[in-house]
Amino acid sequence: MASFTQLLVNFNPAGSRTLLPPSRTPPPRSIPTPTLRRRTLATASAVQPAAEISAAIPAAPPEFDFKSYMLSKAAVVNRALDLAAPLAYPDRIHEAMRYSLLAGGKRIRPALCIAACELVGGDESLALPAACAVEMIHTMSLIHDDLPCMDNDDFRRGQPTSHLVFGEPIAILAAMPSSP
């Protein structure tokens, strides 16, 4: 039995390690030795004036105003949600849907969706349907969370919860996914 120091580690092309006994070791390879190079110091004539160096440094980008960005994206999302959830038949259920969906909020999730799209070079209009869908799913989870069988909350986003205004059955139906 070979000792640990007698075993050599062989890396195969697949990247896994196999231990080979010394009798099956590959032939030794010659390893080139690195050559040392002498550095030369910059002379006074090679040094650039400070004005040239500061001109070569790009100006700092303008300060990002997070608050105004979030407010502008929330306004865009609110308009899109208003158009995406029109008042239709059955009126009472759609009224309950719009009551909870358009109750306001920070709209962080859709803003993150839009920001991710913009980060990779996309346009806000491309991300808006997905951003609205994310906010609709979030609102649906809030309606369900507020129900008496769950947290039994009385207020959400500063106003009475959907089940208090429309009743529990309508709130449940308003939070159910539906297709047009």
C-alpha atoms as a PDB file:
ATOM      1  CA  MET A   1       0.000   0.000   0.000  1.00  0.00           C
ATOM      2  CA  ALA A   2       1.450   3.330  -1.044  1.00  0.00           C
ATOM      3  CA  SER A   3       1.576   6.130   1.474  1.00  0.00           C
ATOM      4  CA  PHE A   4      -0.176   9.440   0.889  1.00  0.00           C
ATOM      5  CA  THR A   5       3.081  11.146  -0.108  1.00  0.00           C
ATOM      6  CA  GLN A   6       3.784   8.451  -2.695  1.00  0.00           C
ATOM      7  CA  LEU A   7       0.473   9.015  -4.470  1.00  0.00           C
ATOM      8  CA  LEU A   8       0.315  11.685  -7.121  1.00  0.00           C
ATOM      9  CA  VAL A   9      -2.744  13.671  -8.066  1.00  0.00           C
ATOM     10  CA  ASN A  10      -3.540  13.498 -11.750  1.00  0.00           C
ATOM     11  CA  PHE A  11      -6.074  15.937 -13.277  1.00  0.00           C
ATOM     12  CA  ASN A  12      -7.879  14.484 -16.247  1.00  0.00           C
ATOM     13  CA  PRO A  13      -9.496  16.653 -18.971  1.00  0.00           C
ATOM     14  CA  ALA A  14     -12.947  16.270 -17.402  1.00  0.00           C
ATOM     15  CA  GLY A  15     -11.700  18.107 -14.335  1.00  0.00           C
ATOM     16  CA  SER A  16     -12.073  15.294 -11.800  1.00  0.00           C
ATOM     17  CA  ARG A  17      -9.154  14.158  -9.679  1.00  0.00           C
ATOM     18  CA  THR A  18      -7.846  10.635  -9.681  1.00  0.00           C
ATOM     19  CA  LEU A  19      -5.047   9.292  -7.532  1.00  0.00           C
ATOM     20  CA  LEU A  20      -2.462   7.225  -9.360  1.00  0.00           C
ATOM     21  CA  PRO A  21       0.168   5.053  -7.713  1.00  0.00           C
ATOM     22  CA  PRO A  22       3.801   5.946  -8.535  1.00  0.00           C
ATOM     23  CA  SER A  23       4.063   3.012 -10.965  1.00  0.00           C
ATOM     24  CA  ARG A  24       1.465   4.625 -13.277  1.00  0.00           C
ATOM     25  CA  THR A  25       2.634   8.223 -13.078  1.00  0.00           C
ATOM     26  CA  PRO A  26       2.936  10.203 -16.279  1.00  0.00           C
ATOM     27  CA  PRO A  27       6.448  11.125 -17.428  1.00  0.00           C
ATOM     28  CA  PRO A  28       7.837  14.281 -15.789  1.00  0.00           C
ATOM     29  CA  ARG A  29       7.453  17.514 -17.706  1.00  0.00           C
ATOM     30  CA  SER A  30      10.016  20.226 -17.890  1.00  0.00           C
ATOM     31  CA  ILE A  31       8.698  23.415 -16.313  1.00  0.00           C
ATOM     32  CA  PRO A  32      10.084  26.667 -17.730  1.00  0.00           C
ATOM     33  CA  THR A  33      11.587  28.973 -15.155  1.00  0.00           C
ATOM     34  CA  PRO A  34      10.333  32.537 -15.160  1.00  0.00           C
ATOM     35  CA  THR A  35      12.743  35.222 -16.221  1.00  0.00           C
ATOM     36  CA  LEU A  36      13.118  38.334 -14.153  1.00  0.00           C
ATOM     37  CA  ARG A  37      12.979  41.711 -15.850  1.00  0.00           C
ATOM     38  CA  ARG A  38      14.399  44.874 -14.480  1.00  0.00           C
ATOM     39  CA  ARG A  39      11.963  47.773 -14.141  1.00  0.00           C
ATOM     40  CA  THR A  40      13.008  51.194 -15.245  1.00  0.00           C
ATOM     41  CA  LEU A  41      11.981  54.218 -13.257  1.00  0.00           C
ATOM     42  CA  ALA A  42      10.141  57.021 -15.011  1.00  0.00           C
ATOM     43  CA  THR A  43      12.276  60.010 -15.724  1.00  0.00           C
ATOM     44  CA  ALA A  44      11.146  63.563 -15.199  1.00  0.00           C
ATOM     45  CA  SER A  45      10.469  63.979 -18.907  1.00  0.00           C
ATOM     46  CA  ALA A  46       8.161  60.930 -18.941  1.00  0.00           C
ATOM     47  CA  VAL A  47       5.940  62.236 -16.134  1.00  0.00           C
ATOM     48  CA  GLN A  48       2.669  63.792 -17.351  1.00  0.00           C
ATOM     49  CA  PRO A  49       1.540  67.117 -15.953  1.00  0.00           C
ATOM     50  CA  ALA A  50      -1.351  66.968 -13.483  1.00  0.00           C
ATOM     51  CA  ALA A  51      -3.640  68.867 -15.883  1.00  0.00           C
ATOM     52  CA  GLU A  52      -3.286  66.153 -18.532  1.00  0.00           C
ATOM     53  CA  ILE A  53      -3.968  63.417 -16.010  1.00  0.00           C
ATOM     54  CA  SER A  54      -7.102  65.081 -14.633  1.00  0.00           C
ATOM     55  CA  ALA A  55      -8.350  65.722 -18.187  1.00  0.00           C
ATOM     56  CA  ALA A  56      -7.956  62.020 -18.974  1.00  0.00           C
ATOM     57  CA  ILE A  57     -10.066  60.945 -15.988  1.00  0.00           C
ATOM     58  CA  PRO A  58     -13.748  60.835 -16.952  1.00  0.00           C
ATOM     59  CA  ALA A  59     -16.132  63.000 -14.991  1.00  0.00           C
ATOM     60  CA  ALA A  60     -18.184  61.301 -12.312  1.00  0.00           C
ATOM     61  CA  PRO A  61     -21.675  60.315 -13.436  1.00  0.00           C
ATOM     62  CA  PRO A  62     -24.512  62.432 -12.098  1.00  0.00           C
ATOM     63  CA  GLU A  63     -25.891  61.448  -8.708  1.00  0.00           C
ATOM     64  CA  PHE A  64     -28.704  58.877  -8.886  1.00  0.00           C
ATOM     65  CA  ASP A  65     -31.884  60.105  -7.210  1.00  0.00           C
ATOM     66  CA  PHE A  66     -33.480  56.915  -5.899  1.00  0.00           C
ATOM     67  CA  LYS A  67     -36.595  58.596  -4.511  1.00  0.00           C
ATOM     68  CA  SER A  68     -37.535  60.307  -7.771  1.00  0.00           C
ATOM     69  CA  TYR A  69     -36.804  57.100  -9.712  1.00  0.00           C
ATOM     70  CA  MET A  70     -39.114  55.070  -7.475  1.00  0.00           C
ATOM     71  CA  LEU A  71     -41.850  57.733  -7.596  1.00  0.00           C
ATOM     72  CA  SER A  72     -41.708  57.930 -11.387  1.00  0.00           C
ATOM     73  CA  LYS A  73     -41.838  54.122 -11.771  1.00  0.00           C
ATOM     74  CA  ALA A  74     -44.716  53.893  -9.269  1.00  0.00           C
ATOM     75  CA  ALA A  75     -46.675  56.459 -11.300  1.00  0.00           C
ATOM     76  CA  VAL A  76     -46.061  54.520 -14.522  1.00  0.00           C
ATOM     77  CA  VAL A  77     -47.084  51.239 -12.874  1.00  0.00           C
ATOM     78  CA  ASN A  78     -50.227  52.792 -11.355  1.00  0.00           C
ATOM     79  CA  ARG A  79     -51.336  54.010 -14.788  1.00  0.00           C
ATOM     80  CA  ALA A  80     -50.634  50.603 -16.328  1.00  0.00           C
ATOM     81  CA  LEU A  81     -52.503  48.782 -13.553  1.00  0.00           C
ATOM     82  CA  ASP A  82     -55.506  51.065 -14.029  1.00  0.00           C
ATOM     83  CA  LEU A  83     -55.587  50.104 -17.703  1.00  0.00           C
ATOM     84  CA  ALA A  84     -54.865  46.414 -17.040  1.00  0.00           C
ATOM     85  CA  ALA A  85     -57.753  45.928 -14.601  1.00  0.00           C
ATOM     86  CA  PRO A  86     -60.793  47.647 -16.121  1.00  0.00           C
ATOM     87  CA  LEU A  87     -64.182  47.638 -14.473  1.00  0.00           C
ATOM     88  CA  ALA A  88     -66.049  44.820 -16.225  1.00  0.00           C
ATOM     89  CA  TYR A  89     -68.663  42.158 -15.575  1.00  0.00           C
ATOM     90  CA  PRO A  90     -69.080  40.909 -12.870  1.00  0.00           C
ATOM     91  CA  ASP A  91     -68.950  44.451 -11.577  1.00  0.00           C
ATOM     92  CA  ARG A  92     -68.745  43.725  -7.844  1.00  0.00           C
ATOM     93  CA  ILE A  93     -65.760  41.361  -8.179  1.00  0.00           C
ATOM     94  CA  HIS A  94     -63.875  43.708 -10.520  1.00  0.00           C
ATOM     95  CA  GLU A  95     -64.640  46.611  -8.218  1.00  0.00           C
ATOM     96  CA  ALA A  96     -63.084  44.646  -5.340  1.00  0.00           C
ATOM     97  CA  MET A  97     -60.081  43.782  -7.509  1.00  0.00           C
ATOM     98  CA  ARG A  98     -59.510  47.413  -8.424  1.00  0.00           C
ATOM     99  CA  TYR A  99     -60.108  48.523  -4.814  1.00  0.00           C
ATOM    100  CA  SER A 100     -57.173  46.456  -3.565  1.00  0.00           C
ATOM    101  CA  LEU A 101     -54.957  46.748  -6.625  1.00  0.00           C
ATOM    102  CA  LEU A 102     -55.184  50.520  -6.973  1.00  0.00           C
ATOM    103  CA  ALA A 103     -55.029  51.284  -3.242  1.00  0.00           C
ATOM    104  CA  GLY A 104     -51.511  52.626  -3.637  1.00  0.00           C
ATOM    105  CA  GLY A 105     -48.342  51.304  -2.178  1.00  0.00           C
ATOM    106  CA  LYS A 106     -44.649  51.709  -2.850  1.00  0.00           C
ATOM    107  CA  ARG A 107     -44.662  49.476  -5.958  1.00  0.00           C
ATOM    108  CA  ILE A 108     -41.188  48.189  -5.139  1.00  0.00           C
ATOM    109  CA  ARG A 109     -41.623  44.834  -6.890  1.00  0.00           C
ATOM    110  CA  PRO A 110     -42.662  46.249 -10.268  1.00  0.00           C
ATOM    111  CA  ALA A 111     -39.973  48.947 -10.001  1.00  0.00           C
ATOM    112  CA  LEU A 112     -37.368  46.222  -9.492  1.00  0.00           C
ATOM    113  CA  CYS A 113     -38.736  44.370 -12.502  1.00  0.00           C
ATOM    114  CA  ILE A 114     -38.439  47.498 -14.654  1.00  0.00           C
ATOM    115  CA  ALA A 115     -34.983  48.320 -13.256  1.00  0.00           C
ATOM    116  CA  ALA A 116     -33.737  44.815 -14.091  1.00  0.00           C
ATOM    117  CA  CYS A 117     -34.968  45.226 -17.659  1.00  0.00           C
ATOM    118  CA  GLU A 118     -33.332  48.637 -17.966  1.00  0.00           C
ATOM    119  CA  LEU A 119     -30.105  47.277 -16.495  1.00  0.00           C
ATOM    120  CA  VAL A 120     -29.666  44.861 -19.391  1.00  0.00           C
ATOM    121  CA  GLY A 121     -30.537  47.484 -21.998  1.00  0.00           C
ATOM    122  CA  GLY A 122     -34.277  46.920 -22.292  1.00  0.00           C
ATOM    123  CA  ASP A 123     -36.977  49.540 -22.384  1.00  0.00           C
ATOM    124  CA  GLU A 124     -39.504  50.201 -19.640  1.00  0.00           C
ATOM    125  CA  SER A 125     -42.369  49.339 -21.988  1.00  0.00           C
ATOM    126  CA  LEU A 126     -40.993  45.800 -22.419  1.00  0.00           C
ATOM    127  CA  ALA A 127     -41.014  45.143 -18.681  1.00  0.00           C
ATOM    128  CA  LEU A 128     -44.319  46.825 -17.862  1.00  0.00           C
ATOM    129  CA  PRO A 129     -46.591  43.782 -18.452  1.00  0.00           C
ATOM    130  CA  ALA A 130     -44.391  41.592 -16.244  1.00  0.00           C
ATOM    131  CA  ALA A 131     -44.134  44.361 -13.634  1.00  0.00           C
ATOM    132  CA  CYS A 132     -47.938  44.640 -13.501  1.00  0.00           C
ATOM    133  CA  ALA A 133     -48.273  40.871 -13.208  1.00  0.00           C
ATOM    134  CA  VAL A 134     -45.858  40.847 -10.277  1.00  0.00           C
ATOM    135  CA  GLU A 135     -47.851  43.576  -8.534  1.00  0.00           C
ATOM    136  CA  MET A 136     -51.159  41.768  -9.203  1.00  0.00           C
ATOM    137  CA  ILE A 137     -49.796  38.560  -7.671  1.00  0.00           C
ATOM    138  CA  HIS A 138     -48.521  40.513  -4.678  1.00  0.00           C
ATOM    139  CA  THR A 139     -51.917  42.198  -4.196  1.00  0.00           C
ATOM    140  CA  MET A 140     -53.653  38.827  -4.459  1.00  0.00           C
ATOM    141  CA  SER A 141     -51.409  37.493  -1.684  1.00  0.00           C
ATOM    142  CA  LEU A 142     -52.254  40.520   0.480  1.00  0.00           C
ATOM    143  CA  ILE A 143     -55.993  40.018   0.003  1.00  0.00           C
ATOM    144  CA  HIS A 144     -55.635  36.371   1.045  1.00  0.00           C
ATOM    145  CA  ASP A 145     -53.384  37.301   3.962  1.00  0.00           C
ATOM    146  CA  ASP A 146     -55.949  39.803   5.311  1.00  0.00           C
ATOM    147  CA  LEU A 147     -58.835  37.312   5.362  1.00  0.00           C
ATOM    148  CA  PRO A 148     -60.351  36.324   8.748  1.00  0.00           C
ATOM    149  CA  CYS A 149     -59.064  32.761   8.372  1.00  0.00           C
ATOM    150  CA  MET A 150     -55.500  34.115   8.078  1.00  0.00           C
ATOM    151  CA  ASP A 151     -54.388  37.331   9.840  1.00  0.00           C
ATOM    152  CA  ASN A 152     -57.838  38.960  10.015  1.00  0.00           C
ATOM    153  CA  ASP A 153     -56.388  42.417   9.348  1.00  0.00           C
ATOM    154  CA  ASP A 154     -58.724  45.402   9.257  1.00  0.00           C
ATOM    155  CA  PHE A 155     -56.534  47.849   7.323  1.00  0.00           C
ATOM    156  CA  ARG A 156     -54.189  47.542   4.359  1.00  0.00           C
ATOM    157  CA  ARG A 157     -52.388  50.454   2.722  1.00  0.00           C
ATOM    158  CA  GLY A 158     -54.273  52.893   4.928  1.00  0.00           C
ATOM    159  CA  GLN A 159     -57.810  51.776   4.081  1.00  0.00           C
ATOM    160  CA  PRO A 160     -60.197  49.024   5.220  1.00  0.00           C
ATOM    161  CA  THR A 161     -59.321  45.615   3.820  1.00  0.00           C
ATOM    162  CA  SER A 162     -61.230  44.123   0.921  1.00  0.00           C
ATOM    163  CA  HIS A 163     -63.110  41.562   2.987  1.00  0.00           C
ATOM    164  CA  LEU A 164     -64.459  44.302   5.300  1.00  0.00           C
ATOM    165  CA  VAL A 165     -65.671  46.456   2.397  1.00  0.00           C
ATOM    166  CA  PHE A 166     -66.964  43.750   0.026  1.00  0.00           C
ATOM    167  CA  GLY A 167     -67.393  40.708   2.269  1.00  0.00           C
ATOM    168  CA  GLU A 168     -65.262  37.619   2.548  1.00  0.00           C
ATOM    169  CA  PRO A 169     -66.678  35.699  -0.476  1.00  0.00           C
ATOM    170  CA  ILE A 170     -66.131  38.642  -2.850  1.00  0.00           C
ATOM    171  CA  ALA A 171     -62.616  39.222  -1.461  1.00  0.00           C
ATOM    172  CA  ILE A 172     -61.745  35.583  -2.097  1.00  0.00           C
ATOM    173  CA  LEU A 173     -63.059  35.800  -5.660  1.00  0.00           C
ATOM    174  CA  ALA A 174     -61.292  39.115  -6.259  1.00  0.00           C
ATOM    175  CA  ALA A 175     -57.977  37.507  -5.324  1.00  0.00           C
ATOM    176  CA  MET A 176     -58.491  34.491  -7.567  1.00  0.00           C
ATOM    177  CA  PRO A 177     -56.634  34.451 -10.873  1.00  0.00           C
ATOM    178  CA  SER A 178     -58.974  34.938 -13.775  1.00  0.00           C
ATOM    179  CA  SER A 179     -58.628  35.180 -17.523  1.00  0.00           C
ATOM    180  CA  PRO A 180     -60.449  37.733 -19.681  1.00  0.00           C
END
